[in-house]
Each structure stands twice: as structure tokens, then as C-alpha cells.
């Protein structure tokens, strides 16, 4: 299972997702979008918009091919089989 998290360092819901994944010992790839610069940041924001249906809300969690926008604990648990 592959888990990827797009987050902002200033976002309380992003911190909640990170804490939830860390507390559950779930391995995930983290991209903190607001720490990126220039073209890399633009590319990641475009990717977030593409996978989340056009918006740029955070956090965005990708579990395999499933996308969750926001901290939806119930859905995250379902996708992670917790």
C-alpha cells in the first residue's frame, strides 16, 4: 500500500493527518507544499489540483489510487484497513 500526503506546514488539519499516520506507524511520503519553491512548487500545486478535482485544498491524502481531500479520519481508516 502506498500513501502520499500533500500538506502545508501551517495547516492544522495537515498536522492532524500527520499525527494520525505517525501514531498508527503508517509509512507515507510527505510533500510539504509551502516549503517548495519556484517551478517545483508550481508543479506540485498543479498535481494536487489534478488529483483532487481542481481545487487546492489541503491536506490531500492519496492511498494507492484513492484520493481524500481533508482530514476524513473514517475514510482514511477504511482505505488503510484500520
PDB file of N, CA and C in Angstrom:
ATOM      1  N   UNK A   1       0.845  -1.175   0.000  1.00  0.00           N
ATOM      2  CA  UNK A   1       0.000   0.000   0.000  1.00  0.00           C
ATOM      3  C   UNK A   1       0.893   1.242   0.000  1.00  0.00           C
ATOM      4  N   UNK A   2       0.591   2.160  -0.874  1.00  0.00           N
ATOM      5  CA  UNK A   2       1.360   3.394  -0.978  1.00  0.00           C
ATOM      6  C   UNK A   2       0.508   4.561  -0.484  1.00  0.00           C
ATOM      7  N   UNK A   3       1.069   5.348   0.432  1.00  0.00           N
ATOM      8  CA  UNK A   3       0.364   6.502   0.992  1.00  0.00           C
ATOM      9  C   UNK A   3       1.211   7.745   0.735  1.00  0.00           C
ATOM     10  N   UNK A   4       0.560   8.760   0.179  1.00  0.00           N
ATOM     11  CA  UNK A   4       1.243  10.026  -0.088  1.00  0.00           C
ATOM     12  C   UNK A   4       0.399  11.140   0.522  1.00  0.00           C
ATOM     13  N   UNK A   5       1.068  12.080   1.171  1.00  0.00           N
ATOM     14  CA  UNK A   5       0.381  13.199   1.813  1.00  0.00           C
ATOM     15  C   UNK A   5       0.936  14.505   1.284  1.00  0.00           C
ATOM     16  N   UNK A   6       0.050  15.343   0.762  1.00  0.00           N
ATOM     17  CA  UNK A   6       0.385  16.712   0.372  1.00  0.00           C
ATOM     18  C   UNK A   6      -0.163  17.599   1.474  1.00  0.00           C
ATOM     19  N   UNK A   7       0.712  18.404   2.068  1.00  0.00           N
ATOM     20  CA  UNK A   7       0.309  19.181   3.238  1.00  0.00           C
ATOM     21  C   UNK A   7       0.956  20.565   3.215  1.00  0.00           C
ATOM     22  N   UNK A   8       0.471  21.400   4.122  1.00  0.00           N
ATOM     23  CA  UNK A   8       1.073  22.704   4.380  1.00  0.00           C
ATOM     24  C   UNK A   8       1.559  22.701   5.827  1.00  0.00           C
ATOM     25  N   UNK A   9       2.684  23.308   6.089  1.00  0.00           N
ATOM     26  CA  UNK A   9       3.228  23.331   7.446  1.00  0.00           C
ATOM     27  C   UNK A   9       2.346  24.142   8.398  1.00  0.00           C
ATOM     28  N   UNK A  10       1.555  25.061   7.865  1.00  0.00           N
ATOM     29  CA  UNK A  10       0.722  25.945   8.678  1.00  0.00           C
ATOM     30  C   UNK A  10      -0.703  25.442   8.876  1.00  0.00           C
ATOM     31  N   UNK A  11      -1.036  24.305   8.284  1.00  0.00           N
ATOM     32  CA  UNK A  11      -2.408  23.794   8.269  1.00  0.00           C
ATOM     33  C   UNK A  11      -2.656  22.858   9.457  1.00  0.00           C
ATOM     34  N   UNK A  12      -3.609  23.204  10.334  1.00  0.00           N
ATOM     35  CA  UNK A  12      -3.876  22.340  11.489  1.00  0.00           C
ATOM     36  C   UNK A  12      -4.403  20.955  11.090  1.00  0.00           C
ATOM     37  N   UNK A  13      -5.205  20.876  10.027  1.00  0.00           N
ATOM     38  CA  UNK A  13      -5.724  19.581   9.591  1.00  0.00           C
ATOM     39  C   UNK A  13      -4.607  18.717   9.006  1.00  0.00           C
ATOM     40  N   UNK A  14      -3.646  19.357   8.366  1.00  0.00           N
ATOM     41  CA  UNK A  14      -2.480  18.630   7.849  1.00  0.00           C
ATOM     42  C   UNK A  14      -1.691  18.032   9.014  1.00  0.00           C
ATOM     43  N   UNK A  15      -1.516  18.802  10.067  1.00  0.00           N
ATOM     44  CA  UNK A  15      -0.805  18.292  11.248  1.00  0.00           C
ATOM     45  C   UNK A  15      -1.569  17.139  11.889  1.00  0.00           C
ATOM     46  N   UNK A  16      -2.896  17.225  11.874  1.00  0.00           N
ATOM     47  CA  UNK A  16      -3.707  16.145  12.441  1.00  0.00           C
ATOM     48  C   UNK A  16      -3.532  14.857  11.631  1.00  0.00           C
ATOM     49  N   UNK A  17      -3.502  14.967  10.324  1.00  0.00           N
ATOM     50  CA  UNK A  17      -3.296  13.784   9.481  1.00  0.00           C
ATOM     51  C   UNK A  17      -1.915  13.197   9.732  1.00  0.00           C
ATOM     52  N   UNK A  18      -0.891  14.044   9.782  1.00  0.00           N
ATOM     53  CA  UNK A  18       0.467  13.547  10.044  1.00  0.00           C
ATOM     54  C   UNK A  18       0.535  12.829  11.382  1.00  0.00           C
ATOM     55  N   UNK A  19      -0.062  13.406  12.397  1.00  0.00           N
ATOM     56  CA  UNK A  19      -0.062  12.795  13.730  1.00  0.00           C
ATOM     57  C   UNK A  19      -0.808  11.453  13.699  1.00  0.00           C
ATOM     58  N   UNK A  20      -1.950  11.416  13.012  1.00  0.00           N
ATOM     59  CA  UNK A  20      -2.731  10.184  12.901  1.00  0.00           C
ATOM     60  C   UNK A  20      -1.910   9.083  12.222  1.00  0.00           C
ATOM     61  N   UNK A  21      -1.251   9.414  11.117  1.00  0.00           N
ATOM     62  CA  UNK A  21      -0.443   8.423  10.402  1.00  0.00           C
ATOM     63  C   UNK A  21       0.766   8.002  11.233  1.00  0.00           C
ATOM     64  N   UNK A  22       1.417   8.968  11.864  1.00  0.00           N
ATOM     65  CA  UNK A  22       2.578   8.657  12.705  1.00  0.00           C
ATOM     66  C   UNK A  22       2.187   7.778  13.892  1.00  0.00           C
ATOM     67  N   UNK A  23       1.083   8.118  14.552  1.00  0.00           N
ATOM     68  CA  UNK A  23       0.626   7.341  15.705  1.00  0.00           C
ATOM     69  C   UNK A  23       0.277   5.906  15.318  1.00  0.00           C
ATOM     70  N   UNK A  24      -0.192   5.717  14.083  1.00  0.00           N
ATOM     71  CA  UNK A  24      -0.531   4.384  13.600  1.00  0.00           C
ATOM     72  C   UNK A  24       0.632   3.667  12.947  1.00  0.00           C
ATOM     73  N   UNK A  25       1.822   4.281  12.988  1.00  0.00           N
ATOM     74  CA  UNK A  25       3.025   3.724  12.353  1.00  0.00           C
ATOM     75  C   UNK A  25       2.806   3.423  10.873  1.00  0.00           C
ATOM     76  N   UNK A  26       2.062   4.311  10.207  1.00  0.00           N
ATOM     77  CA  UNK A  26       1.808   4.178   8.775  1.00  0.00           C
ATOM     78  C   UNK A  26       2.924   4.892   8.021  1.00  0.00           C
ATOM     79  N   UNK A  27       3.578   4.187   7.122  1.00  0.00           N
ATOM     80  CA  UNK A  27       4.610   4.818   6.301  1.00  0.00           C
ATOM     81  C   UNK A  27       3.932   5.631   5.209  1.00  0.00           C
ATOM     82  N   UNK A  28       4.444   6.837   4.986  1.00  0.00           N
ATOM     83  CA  UNK A  28       3.875   7.693   3.951  1.00  0.00           C
ATOM     84  C   UNK A  28       4.936   8.622   3.409  1.00  0.00           C
ATOM     85  N   UNK A  29       4.690   9.064   2.186  1.00  0.00           N
ATOM     86  CA  UNK A  29       5.557  10.048   1.552  1.00  0.00           C
ATOM     87  C   UNK A  29       4.923  11.420   1.784  1.00  0.00           C
ATOM     88  N   UNK A  30       5.691  12.333   2.327  1.00  0.00           N
ATOM     89  CA  UNK A  30       5.184  13.656   2.678  1.00  0.00           C
ATOM     90  C   UNK A  30       5.764  14.719   1.757  1.00  0.00           C
ATOM     91  N   UNK A  31       4.875  15.554   1.222  1.00  0.00           N
ATOM     92  CA  UNK A  31       5.293  16.733   0.475  1.00  0.00           C
ATOM     93  C   UNK A  31       4.659  17.940   1.149  1.00  0.00           C
ATOM     94  N   UNK A  32       5.498  18.763   1.768  1.00  0.00           N
ATOM     95  CA  UNK A  32       5.007  19.991   2.394  1.00  0.00           C
ATOM     96  C   UNK A  32       5.133  21.101   1.349  1.00  0.00           C
ATOM     97  N   UNK A  33       4.013  21.391   0.729  1.00  0.00           N
ATOM     98  CA  UNK A  33       3.969  22.237  -0.459  1.00  0.00           C
ATOM     99  C   UNK A  33       4.504  23.639  -0.201  1.00  0.00           C
ATOM    100  N   UNK A  34       4.220  24.198   0.973  1.00  0.00           N
ATOM    101  CA  UNK A  34       4.646  25.571   1.240  1.00  0.00           C
ATOM    102  C   UNK A  34       6.150  25.694   1.495  1.00  0.00           C
ATOM    103  N   UNK A  35       6.871  24.589   1.563  1.00  0.00           N
ATOM    104  CA  UNK A  35       8.325  24.651   1.726  1.00  0.00           C
ATOM    105  C   UNK A  35       9.050  24.564   0.386  1.00  0.00           C
ATOM    106  N   UNK A  36       8.293  24.306  -0.678  1.00  0.00           N
ATOM    107  CA  UNK A  36       8.888  24.214  -2.009  1.00  0.00           C
ATOM    108  C   UNK A  36       9.011  25.599  -2.614  1.00  0.00           C
ATOM    109  N   UNK A  37       9.806  25.688  -3.663  1.00  0.00           N
ATOM    110  CA  UNK A  37       9.998  26.989  -4.323  1.00  0.00           C
ATOM    111  C   UNK A  37       9.928  26.845  -5.831  1.00  0.00           C
ATOM    112  N   UNK A  38       9.624  27.960  -6.475  1.00  0.00           N
ATOM    113  CA  UNK A  38       9.704  28.073  -7.919  1.00  0.00           C
ATOM    114  C   UNK A  38       8.905  27.045  -8.687  1.00  0.00           C
ATOM    115  N   UNK A  39       9.548  26.502  -9.710  1.00  0.00           N
ATOM    116  CA  UNK A  39       8.883  25.572 -10.621  1.00  0.00           C
ATOM    117  C   UNK A  39       8.435  24.290  -9.909  1.00  0.00           C
ATOM    118  N   UNK A  40       9.239  23.819  -8.951  1.00  0.00           N
ATOM    119  CA  UNK A  40       8.874  22.620  -8.208  1.00  0.00           C
ATOM    120  C   UNK A  40       7.545  22.827  -7.477  1.00  0.00           C
ATOM    121  N   UNK A  41       7.384  23.990  -6.844  1.00  0.00           N
ATOM    122  CA  UNK A  41       6.146  24.302  -6.124  1.00  0.00           C
ATOM    123  C   UNK A  41       4.971  24.388  -7.091  1.00  0.00           C
ATOM    124  N   UNK A  42       5.174  25.056  -8.218  1.00  0.00           N
ATOM    125  CA  UNK A  42       4.109  25.176  -9.225  1.00  0.00           C
ATOM    126  C   UNK A  42       3.685  23.807  -9.738  1.00  0.00           C
ATOM    127  N   UNK A  43       4.666  22.922  -9.987  1.00  0.00           N
ATOM    128  CA  UNK A  43       4.374  21.580 -10.491  1.00  0.00           C
ATOM    129  C   UNK A  43       3.578  20.767  -9.473  1.00  0.00           C
ATOM    130  N   UNK A  44       3.950  20.859  -8.201  1.00  0.00           N
ATOM    131  CA  UNK A  44       3.248  20.101  -7.160  1.00  0.00           C
ATOM    132  C   UNK A  44       1.830  20.638  -6.978  1.00  0.00           C
ATOM    133  N   UNK A  45       1.655  21.944  -6.998  1.00  0.00           N
ATOM    134  CA  UNK A  45       0.308  22.519  -6.876  1.00  0.00           C
ATOM    135  C   UNK A  45      -0.559  22.082  -8.055  1.00  0.00           C
ATOM    136  N   UNK A  46       0.007  22.049  -9.249  1.00  0.00           N
ATOM    137  CA  UNK A  46      -0.736  21.571 -10.424  1.00  0.00           C
ATOM    138  C   UNK A  46      -1.115  20.104 -10.251  1.00  0.00           C
ATOM    139  N   UNK A  47      -0.215  19.301  -9.696  1.00  0.00           N
ATOM    140  CA  UNK A  47      -0.505  17.888  -9.444  1.00  0.00           C
ATOM    141  C   UNK A  47      -1.629  17.735  -8.419  1.00  0.00           C
ATOM    142  N   UNK A  48      -1.578  18.528  -7.338  1.00  0.00           N
ATOM    143  CA  UNK A  48      -2.623  18.477  -6.313  1.00  0.00           C
ATOM    144  C   UNK A  48      -3.973  18.843  -6.929  1.00  0.00           C
ATOM    145  N   UNK A  49      -4.000  19.873  -7.739  1.00  0.00           N
ATOM    146  CA  UNK A  49      -5.259  20.273  -8.395  1.00  0.00           C
ATOM    147  C   UNK A  49      -5.777  19.169  -9.302  1.00  0.00           C
ATOM    148  N   UNK A  50      -4.879  18.523 -10.018  1.00  0.00           N
ATOM    149  CA  UNK A  50      -5.271  17.459 -10.948  1.00  0.00           C
ATOM    150  C   UNK A  50      -5.864  16.272 -10.192  1.00  0.00           C
ATOM    151  N   UNK A  51      -5.194  15.825  -9.148  1.00  0.00           N
ATOM    152  CA  UNK A  51      -5.662  14.620  -8.455  1.00  0.00           C
ATOM    153  C   UNK A  51      -6.847  14.872  -7.535  1.00  0.00           C
ATOM    154  N   UNK A  52      -7.025  16.127  -7.103  1.00  0.00           N
ATOM    155  CA  UNK A  52      -8.119  16.423  -6.170  1.00  0.00           C
ATOM    156  C   UNK A  52      -9.357  17.002  -6.857  1.00  0.00           C
ATOM    157  N   UNK A  53      -9.341  17.046  -8.164  1.00  0.00           N
ATOM    158  CA  UNK A  53     -10.519  17.506  -8.883  1.00  0.00           C
ATOM    159  C   UNK A  53     -10.560  18.996  -9.137  1.00  0.00           C
ATOM    160  N   UNK A  54      -9.430  19.661  -9.121  1.00  0.00           N
ATOM    161  CA  UNK A  54      -9.383  21.063  -9.500  1.00  0.00           C
ATOM    162  C   UNK A  54      -9.115  22.041  -8.374  1.00  0.00           C
ATOM    163  N   UNK A  55      -9.316  21.632  -7.144  1.00  0.00           N
ATOM    164  CA  UNK A  55      -9.096  22.538  -6.031  1.00  0.00           C
ATOM    165  C   UNK A  55      -7.671  22.477  -5.524  1.00  0.00           C
ATOM    166  N   UNK A  56      -7.370  23.341  -4.605  1.00  0.00           N
ATOM    167  CA  UNK A  56      -6.046  23.331  -3.980  1.00  0.00           C
ATOM    168  C   UNK A  56      -6.223  23.386  -2.470  1.00  0.00           C
ATOM    169  N   UNK A  57      -7.104  22.522  -1.962  1.00  0.00           N
ATOM    170  CA  UNK A  57      -7.329  22.426  -0.530  1.00  0.00           C
ATOM    171  C   UNK A  57      -6.367  21.401   0.051  1.00  0.00           C
ATOM    172  N   UNK A  58      -6.042  21.574   1.309  1.00  0.00           N
ATOM    173  CA  UNK A  58      -5.113  20.672   1.976  1.00  0.00           C
ATOM    174  C   UNK A  58      -5.715  20.217   3.296  1.00  0.00           C
ATOM    175  N   UNK A  59      -5.328  19.045   3.764  1.00  0.00           N
ATOM    176  CA  UNK A  59      -4.409  18.081   3.190  1.00  0.00           C
ATOM    177  C   UNK A  59      -5.056  17.268   2.063  1.00  0.00           C
ATOM    178  N   UNK A  60      -4.200  16.697   1.213  1.00  0.00           N
ATOM    179  CA  UNK A  60      -4.620  15.746   0.191  1.00  0.00           C
ATOM    180  C   UNK A  60      -3.856  14.459   0.476  1.00  0.00           C
ATOM    181  N   UNK A  61      -4.600  13.389   0.704  1.00  0.00           N
ATOM    182  CA  UNK A  61      -4.011  12.095   1.002  1.00  0.00           C
ATOM    183  C   UNK A  61      -4.329  11.166  -0.159  1.00  0.00           C
ATOM    184  N   UNK A  62      -3.318  10.468  -0.654  1.00  0.00           N
ATOM    185  CA  UNK A  62      -3.514   9.501  -1.724  1.00  0.00           C
ATOM    186  C   UNK A  62      -3.116   8.140  -1.168  1.00  0.00           C
ATOM    187  N   UNK A  63      -4.081   7.221  -1.146  1.00  0.00           N
ATOM    188  CA  UNK A  63      -3.826   5.850  -0.717  1.00  0.00           C
ATOM    189  C   UNK A  63      -4.010   4.990  -1.957  1.00  0.00           C
ATOM    190  N   UNK A  64      -2.886   4.474  -2.464  1.00  0.00           N
ATOM    191  CA  UNK A  64      -2.871   3.792  -3.752  1.00  0.00           C
ATOM    192  C   UNK A  64      -3.455   4.752  -4.793  1.00  0.00           C
ATOM    193  N   UNK A  65      -4.648   4.483  -5.319  1.00  0.00           N
ATOM    194  CA  UNK A  65      -5.239   5.374  -6.324  1.00  0.00           C
ATOM    195  C   UNK A  65      -6.416   6.177  -5.792  1.00  0.00           C
ATOM    196  N   UNK A  66      -6.716   6.040  -4.514  1.00  0.00           N
ATOM    197  CA  UNK A  66      -7.836   6.753  -3.897  1.00  0.00           C
ATOM    198  C   UNK A  66      -7.358   8.081  -3.316  1.00  0.00           C
ATOM    199  N   UNK A  67      -8.139   9.131  -3.540  1.00  0.00           N
ATOM    200  CA  UNK A  67      -7.774  10.472  -3.077  1.00  0.00           C
ATOM    201  C   UNK A  67      -8.765  10.940  -2.013  1.00  0.00           C
ATOM    202  N   UNK A  68      -8.225  11.468  -0.921  1.00  0.00           N
ATOM    203  CA  UNK A  68      -9.034  12.050   0.144  1.00  0.00           C
ATOM    204  C   UNK A  68      -8.582  13.495   0.309  1.00  0.00           C
ATOM    205  N   UNK A  69      -9.522  14.422   0.256  1.00  0.00           N
ATOM    206  CA  UNK A  69      -9.216  15.832   0.490  1.00  0.00           C
ATOM    207  C   UNK A  69      -9.743  16.181   1.870  1.00  0.00           C
ATOM    208  N   UNK A  70      -8.857  16.665   2.727  1.00  0.00           N
ATOM    209  CA  UNK A  70      -9.245  16.994   4.090  1.00  0.00           C
ATOM    210  C   UNK A  70      -8.947  15.844   5.031  1.00  0.00           C
ATOM    211  N   UNK A  71      -9.176  16.071   6.311  1.00  0.00           N
ATOM    212  CA  UNK A  71      -8.921  15.048   7.318  1.00  0.00           C
ATOM    213  C   UNK A  71     -10.202  14.276   7.582  1.00  0.00           C
ATOM    214  N   UNK A  72     -10.452  13.268   6.731  1.00  0.00           N
ATOM    215  CA  UNK A  72     -11.608  12.400   6.864  1.00  0.00           C
ATOM    216  C   UNK A  72     -11.119  11.107   7.510  1.00  0.00           C
ATOM    217  N   UNK A  73     -11.079  11.114   8.839  1.00  0.00           N
ATOM    218  CA  UNK A  73     -10.494  10.008   9.600  1.00  0.00           C
ATOM    219  C   UNK A  73     -11.156   8.671   9.266  1.00  0.00           C
ATOM    220  N   UNK A  74     -12.469   8.663   9.144  1.00  0.00           N
ATOM    221  CA  UNK A  74     -13.188   7.424   8.841  1.00  0.00           C
ATOM    222  C   UNK A  74     -12.749   6.848   7.499  1.00  0.00           C
ATOM    223  N   UNK A  75     -12.675   7.685   6.475  1.00  0.00           N
ATOM    224  CA  UNK A  75     -12.283   7.219   5.136  1.00  0.00           C
ATOM    225  C   UNK A  75     -10.817   6.787   5.109  1.00  0.00           C
ATOM    226  N   UNK A  76      -9.966   7.504   5.804  1.00  0.00           N
ATOM    227  CA  UNK A  76      -8.553   7.122   5.870  1.00  0.00           C
ATOM    228  C   UNK A  76      -8.431   5.745   6.499  1.00  0.00           C
ATOM    229  N   UNK A  77      -9.153   5.518   7.595  1.00  0.00           N
ATOM    230  CA  UNK A  77      -9.113   4.215   8.268  1.00  0.00           C
ATOM    231  C   UNK A  77      -9.613   3.107   7.343  1.00  0.00           C
ATOM    232  N   UNK A  78     -10.674   3.385   6.590  1.00  0.00           N
ATOM    233  CA  UNK A  78     -11.198   2.393   5.653  1.00  0.00           C
ATOM    234  C   UNK A  78     -10.151   2.016   4.619  1.00  0.00           C
ATOM    235  N   UNK A  79      -9.514   3.018   4.029  1.00  0.00           N
ATOM    236  CA  UNK A  79      -8.547   2.755   2.967  1.00  0.00           C
ATOM    237  C   UNK A  79      -7.289   2.081   3.495  1.00  0.00           C
ATOM    238  N   UNK A  80      -6.947   2.334   4.758  1.00  0.00           N
ATOM    239  CA  UNK A  80      -5.761   1.719   5.350  1.00  0.00           C
ATOM    240  C   UNK A  80      -6.077   0.409   6.070  1.00  0.00           C
ATOM    241  N   UNK A  81      -7.356  -0.004   6.005  1.00  0.00           N
ATOM    242  CA  UNK A  81      -7.797  -1.235   6.670  1.00  0.00           C
ATOM    243  C   UNK A  81      -7.480  -1.224   8.164  1.00  0.00           C
ATOM    244  N   UNK A  82      -7.780  -0.120   8.829  1.00  0.00           N
ATOM    245  CA  UNK A  82      -7.535   0.009  10.275  1.00  0.00           C
ATOM    246  C   UNK A  82      -8.818  -0.217  11.065  1.00  0.00           C
TER     247      UNK A  82
END
